[in-house]
């Protein structure tokens, strides 16, 4: 998904190694352990970890607009 956004914006795509480093930096912003990157999406995540993962996805994909549901729950 990230490389498709890059392609659409006319920005150079990232290889897997560079993307991993990029996402690990974003993990630090949300206080998420980078070890979660080795799991399937939301596999074994608590409710709070799922919310952090959603915010991480927003940081990575950088959408123009996002609608978040129940941001104050948990």
PDB file of N, CA and C in Angstrom:
ATOM      1  N   UNK A   1       0.825  -1.185   0.000  1.00  0.00           N
ATOM      2  CA  UNK A   1       0.000   0.000   0.000  1.00  0.00           C
ATOM      3  C   UNK A   1       0.879   1.262   0.000  1.00  0.00           C
ATOM      4  N   UNK A   2       1.955   1.220   0.792  1.00  0.00           N
ATOM      5  CA  UNK A   2       2.838   2.386   0.876  1.00  0.00           C
ATOM      6  C   UNK A   2       3.456   2.707  -0.479  1.00  0.00           C
ATOM      7  N   UNK A   3       3.955   1.691  -1.159  1.00  0.00           N
ATOM      8  CA  UNK A   3       4.591   1.934  -2.458  1.00  0.00           C
ATOM      9  C   UNK A   3       3.576   2.382  -3.508  1.00  0.00           C
ATOM     10  N   UNK A   4       2.337   1.964  -3.382  1.00  0.00           N
ATOM     11  CA  UNK A   4       1.306   2.446  -4.307  1.00  0.00           C
ATOM     12  C   UNK A   4       1.043   3.927  -4.086  1.00  0.00           C
ATOM     13  N   UNK A   5       1.057   4.355  -2.822  1.00  0.00           N
ATOM     14  CA  UNK A   5       0.903   5.779  -2.520  1.00  0.00           C
ATOM     15  C   UNK A   5       2.081   6.553  -3.107  1.00  0.00           C
ATOM     16  N   UNK A   6       3.290   6.022  -2.915  1.00  0.00           N
ATOM     17  CA  UNK A   6       4.486   6.676  -3.466  1.00  0.00           C
ATOM     18  C   UNK A   6       4.375   6.803  -4.980  1.00  0.00           C
ATOM     19  N   UNK A   7       3.980   5.717  -5.611  1.00  0.00           N
ATOM     20  CA  UNK A   7       3.852   5.694  -7.072  1.00  0.00           C
ATOM     21  C   UNK A   7       2.842   6.747  -7.536  1.00  0.00           C
ATOM     22  N   UNK A   8       1.714   6.813  -6.846  1.00  0.00           N
ATOM     23  CA  UNK A   8       0.669   7.781  -7.197  1.00  0.00           C
ATOM     24  C   UNK A   8       1.170   9.211  -7.035  1.00  0.00           C
ATOM     25  N   UNK A   9       2.007   9.449  -6.018  1.00  0.00           N
ATOM     26  CA  UNK A   9       2.506  10.792  -5.748  1.00  0.00           C
ATOM     27  C   UNK A   9       3.766  11.124  -6.551  1.00  0.00           C
ATOM     28  N   UNK A  10       4.258  10.170  -7.325  1.00  0.00           N
ATOM     29  CA  UNK A  10       5.451  10.407  -8.123  1.00  0.00           C
ATOM     30  C   UNK A  10       6.734  10.392  -7.310  1.00  0.00           C
ATOM     31  N   UNK A  11       6.678   9.711  -6.160  1.00  0.00           N
ATOM     32  CA  UNK A  11       7.836   9.617  -5.266  1.00  0.00           C
ATOM     33  C   UNK A  11       8.446   8.224  -5.429  1.00  0.00           C
ATOM     34  N   UNK A  12       9.750   8.139  -5.258  1.00  0.00           N
ATOM     35  CA  UNK A  12      10.436   6.858  -5.400  1.00  0.00           C
ATOM     36  C   UNK A  12       9.934   5.857  -4.367  1.00  0.00           C
ATOM     37  N   UNK A  13       9.686   4.630  -4.813  1.00  0.00           N
ATOM     38  CA  UNK A  13       9.238   3.565  -3.921  1.00  0.00           C
ATOM     39  C   UNK A  13      10.387   3.108  -3.028  1.00  0.00           C
ATOM     40  N   UNK A  14      10.072   2.451  -1.914  1.00  0.00           N
ATOM     41  CA  UNK A  14      11.088   1.959  -0.970  1.00  0.00           C
ATOM     42  C   UNK A  14      11.241   0.460  -1.096  1.00  0.00           C
ATOM     43  N   UNK A  15      12.472  -0.003  -0.939  1.00  0.00           N
ATOM     44  CA  UNK A  15      12.689  -1.445  -0.877  1.00  0.00           C
ATOM     45  C   UNK A  15      12.333  -1.918   0.538  1.00  0.00           C
ATOM     46  N   UNK A  16      12.289  -3.223   0.748  1.00  0.00           N
ATOM     47  CA  UNK A  16      11.834  -3.788   2.016  1.00  0.00           C
ATOM     48  C   UNK A  16      12.699  -3.355   3.199  1.00  0.00           C
ATOM     49  N   UNK A  17      14.004  -3.307   3.014  1.00  0.00           N
ATOM     50  CA  UNK A  17      14.902  -2.912   4.107  1.00  0.00           C
ATOM     51  C   UNK A  17      14.675  -1.469   4.535  1.00  0.00           C
ATOM     52  N   UNK A  18      14.598  -0.570   3.585  1.00  0.00           N
ATOM     53  CA  UNK A  18      14.380   0.842   3.897  1.00  0.00           C
ATOM     54  C   UNK A  18      12.996   1.067   4.498  1.00  0.00           C
ATOM     55  N   UNK A  19      12.019   0.319   3.998  1.00  0.00           N
ATOM     56  CA  UNK A  19      10.666   0.448   4.532  1.00  0.00           C
ATOM     57  C   UNK A  19      10.621  -0.002   5.985  1.00  0.00           C
ATOM     58  N   UNK A  20      11.307  -1.085   6.301  1.00  0.00           N
ATOM     59  CA  UNK A  20      11.354  -1.583   7.686  1.00  0.00           C
ATOM     60  C   UNK A  20      11.924  -0.504   8.615  1.00  0.00           C
ATOM     61  N   UNK A  21      13.023   0.127   8.210  1.00  0.00           N
ATOM     62  CA  UNK A  21      13.624   1.188   9.016  1.00  0.00           C
ATOM     63  C   UNK A  21      12.662   2.365   9.178  1.00  0.00           C
ATOM     64  N   UNK A  22      11.994   2.716   8.102  1.00  0.00           N
ATOM     65  CA  UNK A  22      11.011   3.805   8.104  1.00  0.00           C
ATOM     66  C   UNK A  22       9.891   3.513   9.105  1.00  0.00           C
ATOM     67  N   UNK A  23       9.357   2.298   9.064  1.00  0.00           N
ATOM     68  CA  UNK A  23       8.254   1.927   9.952  1.00  0.00           C
ATOM     69  C   UNK A  23       8.734   1.836  11.400  1.00  0.00           C
ATOM     70  N   UNK A  24       9.938   1.367  11.626  1.00  0.00           N
ATOM     71  CA  UNK A  24      10.462   1.291  12.994  1.00  0.00           C
ATOM     72  C   UNK A  24      10.554   2.685  13.616  1.00  0.00           C
ATOM     73  N   UNK A  25      10.907   3.687  12.826  1.00  0.00           N
ATOM     74  CA  UNK A  25      10.933   5.061  13.332  1.00  0.00           C
ATOM     75  C   UNK A  25       9.521   5.520  13.692  1.00  0.00           C
ATOM     76  N   UNK A  26       8.554   5.131  12.894  1.00  0.00           N
ATOM     77  CA  UNK A  26       7.160   5.482  13.178  1.00  0.00           C
ATOM     78  C   UNK A  26       6.668   4.755  14.430  1.00  0.00           C
ATOM     79  N   UNK A  27       7.147   3.527  14.648  1.00  0.00           N
ATOM     80  CA  UNK A  27       6.791   2.778  15.866  1.00  0.00           C
ATOM     81  C   UNK A  27       7.231   3.545  17.110  1.00  0.00           C
ATOM     82  N   UNK A  28       8.403   4.140  17.052  1.00  0.00           N
ATOM     83  CA  UNK A  28       8.914   4.901  18.194  1.00  0.00           C
ATOM     84  C   UNK A  28       7.998   6.086  18.509  1.00  0.00           C
ATOM     85  N   UNK A  29       7.417   6.685  17.496  1.00  0.00           N
ATOM     86  CA  UNK A  29       6.527   7.834  17.702  1.00  0.00           C
ATOM     87  C   UNK A  29       5.295   7.432  18.508  1.00  0.00           C
ATOM     88  N   UNK A  30       4.728   6.265  18.212  1.00  0.00           N
ATOM     89  CA  UNK A  30       3.521   5.816  18.914  1.00  0.00           C
ATOM     90  C   UNK A  30       3.831   4.938  20.122  1.00  0.00           C
ATOM     91  N   UNK A  31       5.108   4.711  20.385  1.00  0.00           N
ATOM     92  CA  UNK A  31       5.492   3.889  21.529  1.00  0.00           C
ATOM     93  C   UNK A  31       5.167   2.418  21.342  1.00  0.00           C
ATOM     94  N   UNK A  32       5.323   1.946  20.130  1.00  0.00           N
ATOM     95  CA  UNK A  32       5.006   0.558  19.806  1.00  0.00           C
ATOM     96  C   UNK A  32       6.293  -0.236  19.641  1.00  0.00           C
ATOM     97  N   UNK A  33       6.334  -1.407  20.204  1.00  0.00           N
ATOM     98  CA  UNK A  33       7.495  -2.278  20.104  1.00  0.00           C
ATOM     99  C   UNK A  33       7.636  -2.757  18.653  1.00  0.00           C
ATOM    100  N   UNK A  34       8.788  -2.531  18.015  1.00  0.00           N
ATOM    101  CA  UNK A  34       8.972  -2.970  16.623  1.00  0.00           C
ATOM    102  C   UNK A  34       8.836  -4.481  16.430  1.00  0.00           C
ATOM    103  N   UNK A  35       8.898  -5.254  17.511  1.00  0.00           N
ATOM    104  CA  UNK A  35       8.712  -6.707  17.395  1.00  0.00           C
ATOM    105  C   UNK A  35       7.313  -7.043  16.870  1.00  0.00           C
ATOM    106  N   UNK A  36       6.346  -6.134  17.074  1.00  0.00           N
ATOM    107  CA  UNK A  36       4.996  -6.364  16.561  1.00  0.00           C
ATOM    108  C   UNK A  36       4.979  -6.416  15.032  1.00  0.00           C
ATOM    109  N   UNK A  37       5.985  -5.857  14.399  1.00  0.00           N
ATOM    110  CA  UNK A  37       6.041  -5.852  12.937  1.00  0.00           C
ATOM    111  C   UNK A  37       6.238  -7.253  12.364  1.00  0.00           C
ATOM    112  N   UNK A  38       6.691  -8.172  13.205  1.00  0.00           N
ATOM    113  CA  UNK A  38       6.930  -9.543  12.746  1.00  0.00           C
ATOM    114  C   UNK A  38       5.694 -10.427  12.882  1.00  0.00           C
ATOM    115  N   UNK A  39       4.613  -9.873  13.396  1.00  0.00           N
ATOM    116  CA  UNK A  39       3.357 -10.619  13.538  1.00  0.00           C
ATOM    117  C   UNK A  39       2.427 -10.293  12.374  1.00  0.00           C
ATOM    118  N   UNK A  40       1.410 -11.137  12.214  1.00  0.00           N
ATOM    119  CA  UNK A  40       0.345 -10.799  11.271  1.00  0.00           C
ATOM    120  C   UNK A  40      -0.402  -9.600  11.832  1.00  0.00           C
ATOM    121  N   UNK A  41      -1.112  -8.877  10.998  1.00  0.00           N
ATOM    122  CA  UNK A  41      -1.810  -7.668  11.425  1.00  0.00           C
ATOM    123  C   UNK A  41      -2.761  -7.985  12.579  1.00  0.00           C
ATOM    124  N   UNK A  42      -2.539  -7.307  13.699  1.00  0.00           N
ATOM    125  CA  UNK A  42      -3.344  -7.405  14.920  1.00  0.00           C
ATOM    126  C   UNK A  42      -3.362  -8.790  15.568  1.00  0.00           C
ATOM    127  N   UNK A  43      -2.497  -9.697  15.165  1.00  0.00           N
ATOM    128  CA  UNK A  43      -2.459 -11.032  15.753  1.00  0.00           C
ATOM    129  C   UNK A  43      -1.974 -10.959  17.201  1.00  0.00           C
ATOM    130  N   UNK A  44      -2.815 -11.336  18.128  1.00  0.00           N
ATOM    131  CA  UNK A  44      -2.462 -11.339  19.535  1.00  0.00           C
ATOM    132  C   UNK A  44      -2.335  -9.956  20.154  1.00  0.00           C
ATOM    133  N   UNK A  45      -2.882  -8.943  19.523  1.00  0.00           N
ATOM    134  CA  UNK A  45      -2.792  -7.580  20.041  1.00  0.00           C
ATOM    135  C   UNK A  45      -3.912  -7.343  21.043  1.00  0.00           C
ATOM    136  N   UNK A  46      -3.627  -6.569  22.074  1.00  0.00           N
ATOM    137  CA  UNK A  46      -4.663  -6.101  22.984  1.00  0.00           C
ATOM    138  C   UNK A  46      -5.425  -4.978  22.281  1.00  0.00           C
ATOM    139  N   UNK A  47      -6.501  -4.507  22.914  1.00  0.00           N
ATOM    140  CA  UNK A  47      -7.268  -3.413  22.331  1.00  0.00           C
ATOM    141  C   UNK A  47      -6.422  -2.169  22.130  1.00  0.00           C
ATOM    142  N   UNK A  48      -5.598  -1.833  23.125  1.00  0.00           N
ATOM    143  CA  UNK A  48      -4.729  -0.658  23.019  1.00  0.00           C
ATOM    144  C   UNK A  48      -3.679  -0.814  21.941  1.00  0.00           C
ATOM    145  N   UNK A  49      -3.157  -2.027  21.805  1.00  0.00           N
ATOM    146  CA  UNK A  49      -2.151  -2.285  20.772  1.00  0.00           C
ATOM    147  C   UNK A  49      -2.770  -2.181  19.377  1.00  0.00           C
ATOM    148  N   UNK A  50      -4.018  -2.594  19.252  1.00  0.00           N
ATOM    149  CA  UNK A  50      -4.714  -2.461  17.962  1.00  0.00           C
ATOM    150  C   UNK A  50      -4.872  -0.987  17.600  1.00  0.00           C
ATOM    151  N   UNK A  51      -5.196  -0.164  18.599  1.00  0.00           N
ATOM    152  CA  UNK A  51      -5.335   1.270  18.346  1.00  0.00           C
ATOM    153  C   UNK A  51      -3.995   1.882  17.941  1.00  0.00           C
ATOM    154  N   UNK A  52      -2.914   1.484  18.626  1.00  0.00           N
ATOM    155  CA  UNK A  52      -1.585   1.983  18.252  1.00  0.00           C
ATOM    156  C   UNK A  52      -1.247   1.557  16.834  1.00  0.00           C
ATOM    157  N   UNK A  53      -1.628   0.336  16.478  1.00  0.00           N
ATOM    158  CA  UNK A  53      -1.358  -0.162  15.135  1.00  0.00           C
ATOM    159  C   UNK A  53      -2.122   0.654  14.094  1.00  0.00           C
ATOM    160  N   UNK A  54      -3.346   1.047  14.406  1.00  0.00           N
ATOM    161  CA  UNK A  54      -4.121   1.879  13.487  1.00  0.00           C
ATOM    162  C   UNK A  54      -3.454   3.240  13.299  1.00  0.00           C
ATOM    163  N   UNK A  55      -2.967   3.824  14.387  1.00  0.00           N
ATOM    164  CA  UNK A  55      -2.281   5.115  14.303  1.00  0.00           C
ATOM    165  C   UNK A  55      -0.971   4.951  13.522  1.00  0.00           C
ATOM    166  N   UNK A  56      -0.284   3.836  13.742  1.00  0.00           N
ATOM    167  CA  UNK A  56       0.947   3.556  12.990  1.00  0.00           C
ATOM    168  C   UNK A  56       0.653   3.512  11.491  1.00  0.00           C
ATOM    169  N   UNK A  57      -0.427   2.851  11.117  1.00  0.00           N
ATOM    170  CA  UNK A  57      -0.797   2.780   9.702  1.00  0.00           C
ATOM    171  C   UNK A  57      -1.055   4.172   9.134  1.00  0.00           C
ATOM    172  N   UNK A  58      -1.685   5.027   9.936  1.00  0.00           N
ATOM    173  CA  UNK A  58      -1.924   6.401   9.486  1.00  0.00           C
ATOM    174  C   UNK A  58      -0.602   7.145   9.309  1.00  0.00           C
ATOM    175  N   UNK A  59       0.332   6.956  10.242  1.00  0.00           N
ATOM    176  CA  UNK A  59       1.631   7.624  10.132  1.00  0.00           C
ATOM    177  C   UNK A  59       2.385   7.166   8.883  1.00  0.00           C
ATOM    178  N   UNK A  60       2.265   5.901   8.548  1.00  0.00           N
ATOM    179  CA  UNK A  60       2.985   5.351   7.395  1.00  0.00           C
ATOM    180  C   UNK A  60       2.344   5.799   6.087  1.00  0.00           C
ATOM    181  N   UNK A  61       1.023   5.709   5.997  1.00  0.00           N
ATOM    182  CA  UNK A  61       0.349   6.006   4.731  1.00  0.00           C
ATOM    183  C   UNK A  61       0.055   7.491   4.542  1.00  0.00           C
ATOM    184  N   UNK A  62       0.049   8.258   5.637  1.00  0.00           N
ATOM    185  CA  UNK A  62      -0.109   9.713   5.589  1.00  0.00           C
ATOM    186  C   UNK A  62      -1.300  10.142   4.717  1.00  0.00           C
ATOM    187  N   UNK A  63      -2.516   9.681   5.095  1.00  0.00           N
ATOM    188  CA  UNK A  63      -3.678  10.041   4.281  1.00  0.00           C
ATOM    189  C   UNK A  63      -4.031  11.517   4.422  1.00  0.00           C
ATOM    190  N   UNK A  64      -4.758  12.020   3.467  1.00  0.00           N
ATOM    191  CA  UNK A  64      -5.214  13.411   3.526  1.00  0.00           C
ATOM    192  C   UNK A  64      -6.260  13.590   4.620  1.00  0.00           C
ATOM    193  N   UNK A  65      -7.080  12.572   4.810  1.00  0.00           N
ATOM    194  CA  UNK A  65      -8.132  12.629   5.833  1.00  0.00           C
ATOM    195  C   UNK A  65      -8.323  11.220   6.389  1.00  0.00           C
ATOM    196  N   UNK A  66      -8.645  11.149   7.673  1.00  0.00           N
ATOM    197  CA  UNK A  66      -8.905   9.861   8.311  1.00  0.00           C
ATOM    198  C   UNK A  66     -10.048  10.030   9.295  1.00  0.00           C
ATOM    199  N   UNK A  67     -10.920   9.051   9.348  1.00  0.00           N
ATOM    200  CA  UNK A  67     -12.008   9.025  10.312  1.00  0.00           C
ATOM    201  C   UNK A  67     -11.698   7.924  11.317  1.00  0.00           C
ATOM    202  N   UNK A  68     -11.622   8.297  12.584  1.00  0.00           N
ATOM    203  CA  UNK A  68     -11.318   7.336  13.634  1.00  0.00           C
ATOM    204  C   UNK A  68     -12.529   7.144  14.521  1.00  0.00           C
ATOM    205  N   UNK A  69     -12.814   5.903  14.870  1.00  0.00           N
ATOM    206  CA  UNK A  69     -13.964   5.553  15.680  1.00  0.00           C
ATOM    207  C   UNK A  69     -13.507   5.195  17.089  1.00  0.00           C
ATOM    208  N   UNK A  70     -14.173   5.724  18.084  1.00  0.00           N
ATOM    209  CA  UNK A  70     -13.916   5.402  19.482  1.00  0.00           C
ATOM    210  C   UNK A  70     -12.463   5.613  19.898  1.00  0.00           C
ATOM    211  N   UNK A  71     -11.922   6.767  19.587  1.00  0.00           N
ATOM    212  CA  UNK A  71     -10.524   7.034  19.916  1.00  0.00           C
ATOM    213  C   UNK A  71     -10.294   7.159  21.409  1.00  0.00           C
ATOM    214  N   UNK A  72     -11.348   7.424  22.175  1.00  0.00           N
ATOM    215  CA  UNK A  72     -11.187   7.582  23.619  1.00  0.00           C
ATOM    216  C   UNK A  72     -11.491   6.311  24.397  1.00  0.00           C
ATOM    217  N   UNK A  73     -11.858   5.229  23.720  1.00  0.00           N
ATOM    218  CA  UNK A  73     -12.168   3.991  24.439  1.00  0.00           C
ATOM    219  C   UNK A  73     -10.881   3.270  24.804  1.00  0.00           C
ATOM    220  N   UNK A  74     -10.964   2.457  25.811  1.00  0.00           N
ATOM    221  CA  UNK A  74      -9.791   1.687  26.257  1.00  0.00           C
ATOM    222  C   UNK A  74      -8.948   2.519  27.117  1.00  0.00           C
TER     223      UNK A  74
END
